[in-house]
């Protein structure tokens, strides 16, 4: 049985596959393919080599599925959640971020302090549904 592999691609990557396939079939010149994609002819040749070696999945962004290089250290996240649980549990995320910066010198965005506790299971600052009036 032949196993088919599924590759997730963005619309831009699908367009890139289409144009590179046309260049490989010589339906368009490499220069024209480069103009359509906004890359040089040298880059078009590199993309063609990658498609030949890896198939259409070779054009998928290499960073997909990997953790961000900008993520916070797990130790920092654990420390912030511990401090939040001990001192700032009844604060909203904005006030908690301000207090963490002022008292502990830990500058984090309010959105980070909204996301991290929610991921840890704290749900007390979610919006409440308004009661329906008849």
C-alpha atoms as a PDB file:
ATOM      1  CA  UNK A   1       0.000   0.000   0.000  1.00  0.00           C
ATOM      2  CA  UNK A   2       1.333   3.431  -0.945  1.00  0.00           C
ATOM      3  CA  UNK A   3       1.308   5.911   1.892  1.00  0.00           C
ATOM      4  CA  UNK A   4       0.546   9.507   1.043  1.00  0.00           C
ATOM      5  CA  UNK A   5       2.107  12.220   3.141  1.00  0.00           C
ATOM      6  CA  UNK A   6       0.093  15.291   4.052  1.00  0.00           C
ATOM      7  CA  UNK A   7       1.918  18.607   4.184  1.00  0.00           C
ATOM      8  CA  UNK A   8       0.304  21.772   5.530  1.00  0.00           C
ATOM      9  CA  UNK A   9       1.095  24.830   3.458  1.00  0.00           C
ATOM     10  CA  UNK A  10       0.128  28.462   3.511  1.00  0.00           C
ATOM     11  CA  UNK A  11      -1.421  30.082   0.444  1.00  0.00           C
ATOM     12  CA  UNK A  12       1.905  31.772  -0.291  1.00  0.00           C
ATOM     13  CA  UNK A  13       3.733  28.432  -0.146  1.00  0.00           C
ATOM     14  CA  UNK A  14       1.159  26.837  -2.467  1.00  0.00           C
ATOM     15  CA  UNK A  15       1.688  29.669  -4.946  1.00  0.00           C
ATOM     16  CA  UNK A  16       5.426  29.120  -4.667  1.00  0.00           C
ATOM     17  CA  UNK A  17       5.048  25.389  -5.408  1.00  0.00           C
ATOM     18  CA  UNK A  18       2.921  26.154  -8.462  1.00  0.00           C
ATOM     19  CA  UNK A  19       5.406  28.672  -9.886  1.00  0.00           C
ATOM     20  CA  UNK A  20       8.430  26.474  -9.152  1.00  0.00           C
ATOM     21  CA  UNK A  21       6.730  23.485 -10.811  1.00  0.00           C
ATOM     22  CA  UNK A  22       6.094  25.653 -13.890  1.00  0.00           C
ATOM     23  CA  UNK A  23       9.773  26.653 -13.917  1.00  0.00           C
ATOM     24  CA  UNK A  24      10.794  23.001 -13.598  1.00  0.00           C
ATOM     25  CA  UNK A  25       8.554  22.086 -16.572  1.00  0.00           C
ATOM     26  CA  UNK A  26      10.042  25.031 -18.491  1.00  0.00           C
ATOM     27  CA  UNK A  27       6.577  26.577 -18.902  1.00  0.00           C
ATOM     28  CA  UNK A  28       8.054  29.813 -17.531  1.00  0.00           C
ATOM     29  CA  UNK A  29      11.643  31.010 -17.391  1.00  0.00           C
ATOM     30  CA  UNK A  30      13.492  31.096 -14.100  1.00  0.00           C
ATOM     31  CA  UNK A  31      13.759  34.870 -14.400  1.00  0.00           C
ATOM     32  CA  UNK A  32       9.964  35.163 -14.764  1.00  0.00           C
ATOM     33  CA  UNK A  33       9.406  32.784 -11.860  1.00  0.00           C
ATOM     34  CA  UNK A  34      11.755  34.896  -9.750  1.00  0.00           C
ATOM     35  CA  UNK A  35       9.845  38.064 -10.628  1.00  0.00           C
ATOM     36  CA  UNK A  36       6.516  36.455  -9.705  1.00  0.00           C
ATOM     37  CA  UNK A  37       7.887  35.175  -6.392  1.00  0.00           C
ATOM     38  CA  UNK A  38       9.993  38.227  -5.639  1.00  0.00           C
ATOM     39  CA  UNK A  39      13.282  36.309  -5.484  1.00  0.00           C
ATOM     40  CA  UNK A  40      16.418  36.137  -7.612  1.00  0.00           C
ATOM     41  CA  UNK A  41      17.036  33.572 -10.338  1.00  0.00           C
ATOM     42  CA  UNK A  42      19.682  31.998  -8.119  1.00  0.00           C
ATOM     43  CA  UNK A  43      17.068  31.512  -5.385  1.00  0.00           C
ATOM     44  CA  UNK A  44      14.696  29.987  -7.970  1.00  0.00           C
ATOM     45  CA  UNK A  45      17.397  27.457  -8.869  1.00  0.00           C
ATOM     46  CA  UNK A  46      17.884  26.639  -5.184  1.00  0.00           C
ATOM     47  CA  UNK A  47      14.115  26.155  -4.748  1.00  0.00           C
ATOM     48  CA  UNK A  48      14.014  23.862  -7.785  1.00  0.00           C
ATOM     49  CA  UNK A  49      16.835  21.769  -6.288  1.00  0.00           C
ATOM     50  CA  UNK A  50      14.974  21.545  -2.999  1.00  0.00           C
ATOM     51  CA  UNK A  51      11.748  20.421  -4.698  1.00  0.00           C
ATOM     52  CA  UNK A  52      13.674  17.757  -6.627  1.00  0.00           C
ATOM     53  CA  UNK A  53      15.315  16.524  -3.423  1.00  0.00           C
ATOM     54  CA  UNK A  54      12.407  16.760  -0.964  1.00  0.00           C
ATOM     55  CA  UNK A  55       9.255  17.151  -3.019  1.00  0.00           C
ATOM     56  CA  UNK A  56       6.707  19.910  -2.592  1.00  0.00           C
ATOM     57  CA  UNK A  57       7.134  19.762   1.190  1.00  0.00           C
ATOM     58  CA  UNK A  58      10.649  21.132   0.745  1.00  0.00           C
ATOM     59  CA  UNK A  59       9.171  24.596   0.211  1.00  0.00           C
ATOM     60  CA  UNK A  60       7.445  24.675   3.589  1.00  0.00           C
ATOM     61  CA  UNK A  61       8.964  27.141   6.063  1.00  0.00           C
ATOM     62  CA  UNK A  62      11.687  25.423   8.080  1.00  0.00           C
ATOM     63  CA  UNK A  63      10.605  26.955  11.387  1.00  0.00           C
ATOM     64  CA  UNK A  64       7.099  25.471  11.285  1.00  0.00           C
ATOM     65  CA  UNK A  65       6.361  23.272  14.279  1.00  0.00           C
ATOM     66  CA  UNK A  66       9.412  24.423  16.224  1.00  0.00           C
ATOM     67  CA  UNK A  67       9.251  26.530  19.380  1.00  0.00           C
ATOM     68  CA  UNK A  68       9.946  30.234  19.014  1.00  0.00           C
ATOM     69  CA  UNK A  69      13.410  31.603  19.648  1.00  0.00           C
ATOM     70  CA  UNK A  70      11.712  34.471  21.504  1.00  0.00           C
ATOM     71  CA  UNK A  71       9.969  32.312  24.110  1.00  0.00           C
ATOM     72  CA  UNK A  72      10.609  32.957  27.783  1.00  0.00           C
ATOM     73  CA  UNK A  73      12.709  30.564  29.811  1.00  0.00           C
ATOM     74  CA  UNK A  74      10.677  27.857  31.589  1.00  0.00           C
ATOM     75  CA  UNK A  75      12.316  28.815  34.905  1.00  0.00           C
ATOM     76  CA  UNK A  76      11.140  32.429  34.499  1.00  0.00           C
ATOM     77  CA  UNK A  77       7.633  31.271  33.678  1.00  0.00           C
ATOM     78  CA  UNK A  78       7.549  28.981  36.738  1.00  0.00           C
ATOM     79  CA  UNK A  79       8.828  31.787  38.992  1.00  0.00           C
ATOM     80  CA  UNK A  80       6.278  34.286  37.655  1.00  0.00           C
ATOM     81  CA  UNK A  81       3.413  31.815  38.105  1.00  0.00           C
ATOM     82  CA  UNK A  82       4.560  31.064  41.657  1.00  0.00           C
ATOM     83  CA  UNK A  83       4.728  34.793  42.504  1.00  0.00           C
ATOM     84  CA  UNK A  84       1.377  35.372  40.836  1.00  0.00           C
ATOM     85  CA  UNK A  85      -0.204  32.589  42.860  1.00  0.00           C
ATOM     86  CA  UNK A  86       1.305  33.823  46.147  1.00  0.00           C
ATOM     87  CA  UNK A  87       0.861  37.607  45.861  1.00  0.00           C
ATOM     88  CA  UNK A  88      -1.192  38.688  42.866  1.00  0.00           C
ATOM     89  CA  UNK A  89      -3.909  36.061  42.499  1.00  0.00           C
ATOM     90  CA  UNK A  90      -6.740  38.538  42.982  1.00  0.00           C
ATOM     91  CA  UNK A  91      -5.199  41.117  40.611  1.00  0.00           C
ATOM     92  CA  UNK A  92      -6.107  41.483  36.984  1.00  0.00           C
ATOM     93  CA  UNK A  93      -3.332  40.842  34.460  1.00  0.00           C
ATOM     94  CA  UNK A  94      -2.552  44.529  33.861  1.00  0.00           C
ATOM     95  CA  UNK A  95      -2.189  45.392  37.544  1.00  0.00           C
ATOM     96  CA  UNK A  96      -0.268  42.172  38.186  1.00  0.00           C
ATOM     97  CA  UNK A  97       2.193  43.082  35.395  1.00  0.00           C
ATOM     98  CA  UNK A  98       2.653  46.563  36.870  1.00  0.00           C
ATOM     99  CA  UNK A  99       3.213  45.187  40.377  1.00  0.00           C
ATOM    100  CA  UNK A 100       5.648  42.515  39.187  1.00  0.00           C
ATOM    101  CA  UNK A 101       7.659  45.217  37.424  1.00  0.00           C
ATOM    102  CA  UNK A 102       7.611  47.573  40.423  1.00  0.00           C
ATOM    103  CA  UNK A 103       8.199  45.074  43.233  1.00  0.00           C
ATOM    104  CA  UNK A 104      10.233  42.267  41.644  1.00  0.00           C
ATOM    105  CA  UNK A 105      11.738  44.090  38.663  1.00  0.00           C
ATOM    106  CA  UNK A 106      10.233  41.565  36.256  1.00  0.00           C
ATOM    107  CA  UNK A 107       8.931  43.358  33.184  1.00  0.00           C
ATOM    108  CA  UNK A 108       6.291  41.255  31.430  1.00  0.00           C
ATOM    109  CA  UNK A 109       3.400  42.324  29.277  1.00  0.00           C
ATOM    110  CA  UNK A 110      -0.136  42.162  30.605  1.00  0.00           C
ATOM    111  CA  UNK A 111      -1.003  39.803  27.754  1.00  0.00           C
ATOM    112  CA  UNK A 112       1.686  37.384  28.956  1.00  0.00           C
ATOM    113  CA  UNK A 113       0.168  37.514  32.437  1.00  0.00           C
ATOM    114  CA  UNK A 114      -3.226  36.873  30.911  1.00  0.00           C
ATOM    115  CA  UNK A 115      -2.007  33.882  28.868  1.00  0.00           C
ATOM    116  CA  UNK A 116       0.322  32.074  31.321  1.00  0.00           C
ATOM    117  CA  UNK A 117      -2.094  31.714  34.268  1.00  0.00           C
ATOM    118  CA  UNK A 118      -4.913  30.719  31.910  1.00  0.00           C
ATOM    119  CA  UNK A 119      -2.706  27.959  30.484  1.00  0.00           C
ATOM    120  CA  UNK A 120      -1.958  26.873  34.074  1.00  0.00           C
ATOM    121  CA  UNK A 121      -5.691  26.575  34.807  1.00  0.00           C
ATOM    122  CA  UNK A 122      -6.462  29.931  36.472  1.00  0.00           C
ATOM    123  CA  UNK A 123      -9.765  31.152  35.036  1.00  0.00           C
ATOM    124  CA  UNK A 124     -10.996  33.746  37.505  1.00  0.00           C
ATOM    125  CA  UNK A 125     -10.455  36.751  35.246  1.00  0.00           C
ATOM    126  CA  UNK A 126     -12.344  35.509  32.211  1.00  0.00           C
ATOM    127  CA  UNK A 127     -15.191  37.710  31.084  1.00  0.00           C
ATOM    128  CA  UNK A 128     -18.525  36.826  32.563  1.00  0.00           C
ATOM    129  CA  UNK A 129     -21.550  36.416  30.387  1.00  0.00           C
ATOM    130  CA  UNK A 130     -24.189  39.073  30.936  1.00  0.00           C
ATOM    131  CA  UNK A 131     -27.527  37.769  32.152  1.00  0.00           C
ATOM    132  CA  UNK A 132     -30.124  37.755  29.406  1.00  0.00           C
ATOM    133  CA  UNK A 133     -32.988  40.175  29.952  1.00  0.00           C
ATOM    134  CA  UNK A 134     -36.341  39.351  28.534  1.00  0.00           C
END
